Amino acid sequence: MTKRVFPLLVLLHLVWPLSVQAQGKRIALVVGNQAYSEPDLNNLKTSTNDAVDMSKALTDLGFSVKSYVNLKRNDFDRIEAEFVATVHQGDTVVFYYAGHAVEDRGLNHLLPVDFASADMNMIATRAPTANAFLTELRDKSPQAIIVILDACRTPAVGRRGVAVGLAQINGARGEYIAFASSPGKPAIDGSAGGHNGLFTSHLLADLKTPGLTIDQVFNNVRQEVDRESRGAQTPWSNSGLVGDFCFDPRGCAVRTTSPVSVVPTAPDCSEPASAPAGEGEFVSQARCASQAADWAAAVQLYNGAIRINSDNPEYYLQRARAQIQLRQLDRALADLAKAAELYPDNADYSFEAGKAQELFGNNVKAVEALSKAHSLDPKRPDICAEFAAGLEKTGQTRTAAEVRRSCGL
């Protein structure tokens, strides 16, 4: 079978107030490139199938889908621009791409079918980037952005100094990033039936299952792909999501109290817990332990989730909260620092660190952390209020008043 190198990247940008969720559209752009004119690239067998099947799946899930296959560069640019023009505030947006992609200087270029080996020397003008497209979508302020790149890299078209695989894209709060295989590892172009790529074949099956959150979908896919490939391919992901998202709108209700405070669906803690066997079970049992105020158990269970997926900042955040209850400030701050390292543009982790320092009476350090949170999200009311209160505790009353005014408090 043809191998796909470091393929699938999924980004989910989710900040979902319920009033806007009801108003926004569910829209998707799907592209599958396979018929490459360059012989070194003409090795894909499932990309157009993946795109066609994903288009149907998303349509069935209530998305309005624009679908294209085998785009040349000029077509790629035009279609992306036309799609961005249809995006409005409050929309839920999906972009799915199957085909070849190349990382160069930290940017992930999606290769049009008229791309040639000689174009590598001018790749910036020969292939659009997922990074730029994501930025254009963000500028339209939709409520959710999901970008899925089922993309492969053929080393034969590369040049020295260009790494195999795709570059990581660091998302902000509310984004979900998943790869079809762990970094630097290959992924399989065909599933057992040969119609879809291995990862996408399982993704198609699971995303249409009612009641599954996006975390549950990718937890299932990870297990299924790892099993079918006998460990040769293990999907990898990290998440900055707050709350739950379901591809199937019948599946889960996202409940909010404000645009920045999403209440996750409560886990079922009524049954006696068995030994957790996977990432999702560790997290579910950890949430139950937290509900029961069994903070030591919660820490141990989040330890298990982190051993399986060490790149999910939410796990470090939740473990830090449990450690704070156990009066383990240094450990909690280390976890919050790790979460901030994974998602440097996310204000939540500095905000939590500031509140923890306040709780332990470290007002100067609290202000330092809250100042960083405020710089990342200067209009967020809860951060403004906490930062202003901290400034007052350290005698900076004038600055505190300025902070409150800037947030309209």
Protein backbone atom coordinates (compact mmCIF):
# COMPACT_ATOMS: atom_id res chain seq x y z
CA MET A 1 0.00 0.00 0.00
CA THR A 2 1.07 3.59 -0.58
CA LYS A 3 2.20 5.29 2.59
CA ARG A 4 1.07 8.69 3.77
CA VAL A 5 3.62 10.50 5.86
CA PHE A 6 2.54 12.54 8.93
CA PRO A 7 -0.89 13.12 7.50
CA LEU A 8 -4.00 14.23 9.22
CA LEU A 9 -4.21 17.49 11.05
CA VAL A 10 -7.44 18.53 12.66
CA LEU A 11 -7.94 21.90 14.23
CA LEU A 12 -11.04 22.81 16.08
CA HIS A 13 -11.62 26.41 17.12
CA LEU A 14 -14.57 26.43 19.51
CA VAL A 15 -15.98 29.28 21.56
CA TRP A 16 -19.70 28.57 21.44
CA PRO A 17 -22.29 30.67 23.21
CA LEU A 18 -25.64 28.94 22.87
CA SER A 19 -27.50 31.97 21.47
CA VAL A 20 -25.02 32.26 18.60
CA GLN A 21 -24.85 28.50 18.06
CA ALA A 22 -28.54 28.46 17.22
CA GLN A 23 -28.16 31.27 14.69
CA GLY A 24 -24.97 30.26 12.86
CA LYS A 25 -24.71 28.04 9.80
CA ARG A 26 -22.88 24.72 9.58
CA ILE A 27 -20.77 25.01 6.42
CA ALA A 28 -17.90 22.99 4.96
CA LEU A 29 -15.33 23.09 2.18
CA VAL A 30 -14.03 19.68 1.08
CA VAL A 31 -11.12 19.16 -1.35
CA GLY A 32 -9.56 15.91 -2.57
CA ASN A 33 -6.43 16.03 -4.76
CA GLN A 34 -5.18 12.82 -6.35
CA ALA A 35 -4.57 13.19 -10.11
CA TYR A 36 -1.14 14.80 -9.86
CA SER A 37 0.75 15.43 -13.09
CA GLU A 38 4.11 15.00 -11.33
CA PRO A 39 5.05 11.28 -11.49
CA ASP A 40 6.59 11.37 -7.99
CA LEU A 41 3.25 12.57 -6.61
CA ASN A 42 0.95 10.35 -8.62
CA ASN A 43 0.79 7.64 -5.98
CA LEU A 44 -2.41 8.32 -4.04
CA LYS A 45 -5.29 5.88 -4.34
CA THR A 46 -7.97 7.12 -1.94
CA SER A 47 -7.87 10.93 -1.73
CA THR A 48 -10.83 11.61 -4.00
CA ASN A 49 -12.82 8.80 -2.38
CA ASP A 50 -12.03 10.30 1.02
CA ALA A 51 -13.23 13.73 -0.11
CA VAL A 52 -16.42 12.46 -1.77
CA ASP A 53 -17.33 10.33 1.25
CA MET A 54 -16.52 13.13 3.70
CA SER A 55 -18.74 15.49 1.70
CA LYS A 56 -21.66 13.09 1.96
CA ALA A 57 -21.07 12.49 5.67
CA LEU A 58 -20.97 16.20 6.49
CA THR A 59 -24.06 16.84 4.36
CA ASP A 60 -25.88 14.12 6.28
CA LEU A 61 -24.81 15.85 9.50
CA GLY A 62 -26.44 19.11 8.48
CA PHE A 63 -23.52 20.96 6.91
CA SER A 64 -23.88 22.93 3.68
CA VAL A 65 -20.93 21.50 1.73
CA LYS A 66 -18.90 22.81 -1.21
CA SER A 67 -16.90 19.90 -2.63
CA TYR A 68 -14.10 19.82 -5.23
CA VAL A 69 -11.54 17.31 -6.50
CA ASN A 70 -8.21 17.71 -8.32
CA LEU A 71 -7.75 21.46 -7.98
CA LYS A 72 -5.02 23.36 -9.77
CA ARG A 73 -3.32 26.30 -8.06
CA ASN A 74 -5.47 29.06 -9.56
CA ASP A 75 -8.65 27.12 -8.77
CA PHE A 76 -7.43 26.49 -5.22
CA ASP A 77 -6.93 30.21 -4.54
CA ARG A 78 -10.27 31.20 -6.07
CA ILE A 79 -12.31 28.55 -4.25
CA GLU A 80 -10.72 29.30 -0.87
CA ALA A 81 -11.46 33.02 -1.32
CA GLU A 82 -15.06 32.32 -2.35
CA PHE A 83 -15.56 30.07 0.66
CA VAL A 84 -14.11 32.57 3.14
CA ALA A 85 -16.54 35.16 1.77
CA THR A 86 -19.47 32.95 2.83
CA VAL A 87 -18.32 32.67 6.46
CA HIS A 88 -20.01 34.86 9.06
CA GLN A 89 -19.81 35.35 12.80
CA GLY A 90 -21.49 32.49 14.64
CA ASP A 91 -20.95 29.88 11.91
CA THR A 92 -19.49 26.42 12.41
CA VAL A 93 -16.89 25.85 9.68
CA VAL A 94 -15.20 22.66 8.47
CA PHE A 95 -12.35 22.51 5.96
CA TYR A 96 -11.32 19.01 4.86
CA TYR A 97 -8.38 18.36 2.52
CA ALA A 98 -7.10 15.02 1.28
CA GLY A 99 -3.97 14.94 -0.88
CA HIS A 100 -0.29 15.80 -0.76
CA ALA A 101 1.15 18.48 1.52
CA VAL A 102 4.68 19.71 2.22
CA GLU A 103 6.07 21.51 5.24
CA ASP A 104 8.54 24.29 4.45
CA ARG A 105 9.89 26.80 6.96
CA GLY A 106 7.15 25.97 9.44
CA LEU A 107 4.26 26.34 6.98
CA ASN A 108 2.13 23.48 5.66
CA HIS A 109 1.61 23.83 1.90
CA LEU A 110 -1.31 21.99 0.29
CA LEU A 111 -0.17 20.81 -3.13
CA PRO A 112 -2.41 21.50 -6.14
CA VAL A 113 -2.47 18.80 -8.82
CA ASP A 114 -0.33 20.90 -11.20
CA PHE A 115 2.50 21.10 -8.64
CA ALA A 116 5.87 19.82 -9.91
CA SER A 117 9.20 18.97 -8.29
CA ALA A 118 10.76 22.11 -9.76
CA ASP A 119 8.16 24.19 -7.89
CA MET A 120 9.79 23.35 -4.56
CA ASN A 121 12.22 26.21 -5.14
CA MET A 122 9.27 28.65 -5.26
CA ILE A 123 6.80 26.79 -3.08
CA ALA A 124 5.58 29.98 -1.40
CA THR A 125 3.95 31.01 -4.68
CA ARG A 126 3.17 27.51 -5.97
CA ALA A 127 1.06 26.04 -3.17
CA PRO A 128 -1.35 27.62 -0.65
CA THR A 129 -0.82 27.04 3.04
CA ALA A 130 -3.21 25.65 5.61
CA ASN A 131 -1.83 28.25 8.01
CA ALA A 132 -2.92 31.22 5.89
CA PHE A 133 -6.34 29.71 5.20
CA LEU A 134 -6.92 29.15 8.91
CA THR A 135 -5.99 32.77 9.60
CA GLU A 136 -8.46 33.97 6.97
CA LEU A 137 -11.21 31.88 8.55
CA ARG A 138 -10.42 33.17 12.04
CA ASP A 139 -10.66 36.75 10.78
CA LYS A 140 -14.35 36.13 9.98
CA SER A 141 -15.04 35.28 13.66
CA PRO A 142 -16.96 32.02 13.24
CA GLN A 143 -17.85 30.20 16.44
CA ALA A 144 -16.19 26.92 15.42
CA ILE A 145 -13.44 26.08 12.94
CA ILE A 146 -12.53 22.49 12.17
CA VAL A 147 -9.70 21.98 9.68
CA ILE A 148 -8.93 18.40 8.65
CA LEU A 149 -5.81 17.77 6.57
CA ASP A 150 -5.53 14.18 5.39
CA ALA A 151 -2.28 14.97 3.67
CA CYS A 152 0.89 13.08 2.82
CA ARG A 153 4.44 13.96 1.92
CA THR A 154 6.56 12.19 -0.71
CA PRO A 155 10.26 12.74 0.13
CA ALA A 156 11.16 12.46 -3.57
CA VAL A 157 9.71 15.90 -4.26
CA GLY A 158 11.46 17.51 -1.31
CA ARG A 159 14.79 19.23 -1.07
CA ARG A 160 17.53 19.16 1.51
CA GLY A 161 16.57 21.00 4.64
CA VAL A 162 12.84 20.36 4.28
CA ALA A 163 11.67 17.96 6.98
CA VAL A 164 9.45 14.99 6.26
CA GLY A 165 5.99 15.52 7.68
CA LEU A 166 3.84 18.52 8.51
CA ALA A 167 4.62 21.29 10.96
CA GLN A 168 2.59 21.56 14.13
CA ILE A 169 0.10 24.43 14.18
CA ASN A 170 -0.34 25.79 17.69
CA GLY A 171 -3.94 26.67 18.27
CA ALA A 172 -5.53 28.92 20.84
CA ARG A 173 -8.20 28.21 23.41
CA GLY A 174 -10.90 25.95 22.03
CA GLU A 175 -8.88 24.30 19.27
CA TYR A 176 -8.47 20.60 18.67
CA ILE A 177 -5.44 19.26 16.81
CA ALA A 178 -5.15 15.63 15.74
CA PHE A 179 -2.83 13.71 13.48
CA ALA A 180 -3.57 10.42 11.74
CA SER A 181 -0.25 9.15 13.04
CA SER A 182 2.21 10.21 15.69
CA PRO A 183 4.74 12.87 14.60
CA GLY A 184 7.28 11.62 12.07
CA LYS A 185 5.50 8.30 11.58
CA PRO A 186 3.81 7.09 8.35
CA ALA A 187 0.10 6.57 7.91
CA ILE A 188 -1.55 4.07 5.62
CA ASP A 189 -3.17 5.25 2.40
CA GLY A 190 -5.74 2.45 2.21
CA SER A 191 -7.93 0.80 4.82
CA ALA A 192 -8.57 -2.94 4.77
CA GLY A 193 -11.17 -2.44 2.05
CA GLY A 194 -8.94 -0.06 0.10
CA HIS A 195 -11.64 2.55 -0.56
CA ASN A 196 -10.55 5.15 2.03
CA GLY A 197 -7.38 5.99 3.91
CA LEU A 198 -7.06 4.06 7.14
CA PHE A 199 -7.61 7.05 9.39
CA THR A 200 -10.43 8.58 7.35
CA SER A 201 -12.25 5.26 7.04
CA HIS A 202 -12.61 5.12 10.82
CA LEU A 203 -13.24 8.85 11.14
CA LEU A 204 -16.17 8.57 8.71
CA ALA A 205 -17.69 5.77 10.75
CA ASP A 206 -17.30 7.43 14.15
CA LEU A 207 -18.16 11.05 13.48
CA LYS A 208 -21.71 10.04 12.45
CA THR A 209 -22.34 8.11 15.68
CA PRO A 210 -24.97 9.98 17.74
CA GLY A 211 -23.91 10.92 21.25
CA LEU A 212 -20.15 10.96 20.65
CA THR A 213 -18.23 14.12 21.45
CA ILE A 214 -15.25 15.00 19.28
CA ASP A 215 -12.93 13.65 22.00
CA GLN A 216 -14.77 10.34 22.00
CA VAL A 217 -14.67 10.18 18.20
CA PHE A 218 -10.90 10.55 18.08
CA ASN A 219 -10.33 8.30 21.08
CA ASN A 220 -12.25 5.58 19.22
CA VAL A 221 -10.41 6.26 15.97
CA ARG A 222 -7.06 6.09 17.76
CA GLN A 223 -7.84 2.66 19.17
CA GLU A 224 -9.27 1.34 15.89
CA VAL A 225 -6.39 2.54 13.73
CA ASP A 226 -3.78 1.28 16.19
CA ARG A 227 -5.47 -2.12 16.29
CA GLU A 228 -5.94 -2.47 12.52
CA SER A 229 -2.36 -1.39 11.78
CA ARG A 230 -1.02 -3.64 14.59
CA GLY A 231 0.65 -0.67 16.19
CA ALA A 232 2.28 0.66 13.02
CA GLN A 233 0.05 3.74 13.05
CA THR A 234 -1.24 5.41 16.19
CA PRO A 235 -3.17 8.68 15.82
CA TRP A 236 -1.99 11.54 17.98
CA SER A 237 -3.84 14.60 19.23
CA ASN A 238 -3.95 17.46 21.68
CA SER A 239 -6.88 19.58 22.73
CA GLY A 240 -7.62 23.01 24.08
CA LEU A 241 -11.37 22.50 23.99
CA VAL A 242 -13.58 23.77 26.77
CA GLY A 243 -16.82 21.81 26.79
CA ASP A 244 -18.14 19.27 24.32
CA PHE A 245 -18.69 19.35 20.55
CA CYS A 246 -20.55 16.75 18.51
CA PHE A 247 -20.45 16.42 14.73
CA ASP A 248 -23.98 15.00 14.96
CA PRO A 249 -26.12 17.85 16.33
CA ARG A 250 -28.52 15.29 17.83
CA GLY A 251 -25.70 13.86 19.88
CA CYS A 252 -24.78 16.35 22.57
CA ALA A 253 -25.98 19.72 23.78
CA VAL A 254 -23.35 22.37 24.42
CA ARG A 255 -24.53 24.33 27.44
CA THR A 256 -23.06 27.70 28.27
CA THR A 257 -23.31 30.30 30.97
CA SER A 258 -21.27 32.87 29.03
CA PRO A 259 -19.23 33.04 25.80
CA VAL A 260 -16.14 31.97 27.73
CA SER A 261 -17.61 29.41 30.12
CA VAL A 262 -18.83 26.19 28.57
CA VAL A 263 -20.20 23.55 30.95
CA PRO A 264 -19.14 20.04 29.88
CA THR A 265 -21.67 17.24 29.84
CA ALA A 266 -21.40 15.47 33.19
CA PRO A 267 -19.90 11.97 33.17
CA ASP A 268 -21.96 8.99 34.29
CA CYS A 269 -20.65 8.26 37.77
CA SER A 270 -23.49 5.98 38.81
CA GLU A 271 -21.73 2.72 37.93
CA PRO A 272 -18.77 1.32 39.89
CA ALA A 273 -15.56 2.19 38.06
CA SER A 274 -13.58 -0.60 36.44
CA ALA A 275 -9.87 -0.28 35.72
CA PRO A 276 -9.56 2.35 32.94
CA ALA A 277 -8.40 0.89 29.63
CA GLY A 278 -8.00 4.00 27.50
CA GLU A 279 -7.57 7.77 27.51
CA GLY A 280 -11.30 8.48 27.54
CA GLU A 281 -11.92 6.17 30.49
CA PHE A 282 -9.11 7.76 32.52
CA VAL A 283 -10.59 11.21 31.88
CA SER A 284 -14.17 10.14 32.64
CA GLN A 285 -13.16 8.52 35.92
CA ALA A 286 -10.99 11.52 36.80
CA ARG A 287 -13.99 13.81 36.37
CA CYS A 288 -16.05 11.52 38.61
CA ALA A 289 -13.30 11.57 41.23
CA SER A 290 -13.26 15.38 41.10
CA GLN A 291 -17.03 15.49 41.54
CA ALA A 292 -16.61 13.34 44.65
CA ALA A 293 -13.78 15.62 45.86
CA ASP A 294 -11.41 12.65 45.78
CA TRP A 295 -8.56 14.83 44.61
CA ALA A 296 -5.79 12.26 45.08
CA ALA A 297 -7.65 9.79 42.86
CA ALA A 298 -8.28 12.52 40.28
CA VAL A 299 -4.55 13.27 40.11
CA GLN A 300 -3.70 9.60 39.61
CA LEU A 301 -6.32 9.21 36.87
CA TYR A 302 -5.13 12.31 35.02
CA ASN A 303 -1.63 10.83 35.33
CA GLY A 304 -2.93 7.88 33.32
CA ALA A 305 -4.53 10.09 30.67
CA ILE A 306 -1.31 12.10 30.30
CA ARG A 307 0.75 8.93 29.92
CA ILE A 308 -1.40 8.08 26.88
CA ASN A 309 -1.68 11.61 25.49
CA SER A 310 0.92 14.00 26.86
CA ASP A 311 -0.04 16.82 24.50
CA ASN A 312 -3.52 17.62 25.77
CA PRO A 313 -3.30 20.86 27.82
CA GLU A 314 -6.74 20.32 29.34
CA TYR A 315 -5.43 17.27 31.23
CA TYR A 316 -2.65 19.35 32.81
CA LEU A 317 -5.18 22.05 33.71
CA GLN A 318 -7.52 19.60 35.42
CA ARG A 319 -4.67 17.84 37.24
CA ALA A 320 -3.45 21.25 38.43
CA ARG A 321 -6.90 22.03 39.85
CA ALA A 322 -6.86 18.77 41.80
CA GLN A 323 -3.31 19.47 43.02
CA ILE A 324 -4.38 22.90 44.26
CA GLN A 325 -7.04 21.21 46.38
CA LEU A 326 -4.28 19.01 47.79
CA ARG A 327 -2.19 22.15 48.56
CA GLN A 328 0.44 21.08 46.02
CA LEU A 329 1.07 24.53 44.56
CA ASP A 330 4.45 23.86 42.93
CA ARG A 331 3.13 20.82 41.08
CA ALA A 332 0.02 22.70 40.01
CA LEU A 333 2.05 25.62 38.67
CA ALA A 334 4.31 23.22 36.76
CA ASP A 335 1.24 21.65 35.12
CA LEU A 336 -0.18 25.05 34.21
CA ALA A 337 3.17 26.06 32.74
CA LYS A 338 3.15 22.89 30.63
CA ALA A 339 -0.37 23.65 29.42
CA ALA A 340 0.70 27.18 28.50
CA GLU A 341 3.70 25.77 26.64
CA LEU A 342 1.40 23.57 24.56
CA TYR A 343 -1.05 26.44 23.89
CA PRO A 344 0.91 29.69 24.36
CA ASP A 345 -1.95 31.89 23.10
CA ASN A 346 -4.46 30.51 25.60
CA ALA A 347 -5.15 32.89 28.49
CA ASP A 348 -6.79 30.23 30.69
CA TYR A 349 -3.57 28.71 31.99
CA SER A 350 -2.01 31.99 33.16
CA PHE A 351 -5.40 32.94 34.62
CA GLU A 352 -5.53 29.70 36.63
CA ALA A 353 -1.92 30.22 37.76
CA GLY A 354 -2.77 33.72 38.97
CA LYS A 355 -5.78 32.51 40.94
CA ALA A 356 -3.67 29.73 42.48
CA GLN A 357 -0.99 32.20 43.58
CA GLU A 358 -3.69 34.40 45.12
CA LEU A 359 -5.14 31.45 46.99
CA PHE A 360 -1.76 30.82 48.59
CA GLY A 361 -1.25 34.51 49.40
CA ASN A 362 1.42 35.18 46.78
CA ASN A 363 -0.10 38.43 45.54
CA VAL A 364 2.89 39.75 43.58
CA LYS A 365 3.30 36.50 41.66
CA ALA A 366 -0.46 36.40 41.17
CA VAL A 367 -0.39 39.79 39.46
CA GLU A 368 2.45 38.65 37.20
CA ALA A 369 0.44 35.65 36.00
CA LEU A 370 -2.80 37.62 35.71
CA SER A 371 -1.00 40.32 33.73
CA LYS A 372 0.04 37.71 31.20
CA ALA A 373 -3.52 36.36 30.99
CA HIS A 374 -4.82 39.91 30.49
CA SER A 375 -2.33 40.58 27.69
CA LEU A 376 -3.56 37.45 25.89
CA ASP A 377 -7.27 38.26 26.31
CA PRO A 378 -7.58 41.93 27.35
CA LYS A 379 -11.38 42.17 27.05
CA ARG A 380 -12.35 39.05 28.97
CA PRO A 381 -14.41 40.22 31.99
CA ASP A 382 -13.41 37.55 34.51
CA ILE A 383 -9.71 38.05 33.78
CA CYS A 384 -10.08 41.84 34.01
CA ALA A 385 -11.89 41.61 37.34
CA GLU A 386 -9.34 39.22 38.86
CA PHE A 387 -6.39 41.21 37.52
CA ALA A 388 -7.82 44.48 38.84
CA ALA A 389 -8.42 42.93 42.27
CA GLY A 390 -4.85 41.67 42.33
CA LEU A 391 -3.49 45.07 41.37
CA GLU A 392 -5.41 46.64 44.26
CA LYS A 393 -3.94 44.10 46.70
CA THR A 394 -0.46 45.20 45.64
CA GLY A 395 -1.28 48.91 45.93
CA GLN A 396 -1.71 49.62 42.22
CA THR A 397 -5.17 51.16 42.49
CA ARG A 398 -4.83 53.53 39.53
CA THR A 399 -3.81 50.73 37.19
CA ALA A 400 -6.64 48.59 38.56
CA ALA A 401 -9.16 51.31 37.68
CA GLU A 402 -7.73 51.54 34.16
CA VAL A 403 -8.08 47.79 33.70
CA ARG A 404 -11.71 47.89 34.81
CA ARG A 405 -12.49 50.78 32.47
CA SER A 406 -10.85 49.01 29.52
CA CYS A 407 -13.20 46.05 30.05
CA GLY A 408 -16.28 48.15 30.73
CA LEU A 409 -16.52 46.99 34.34
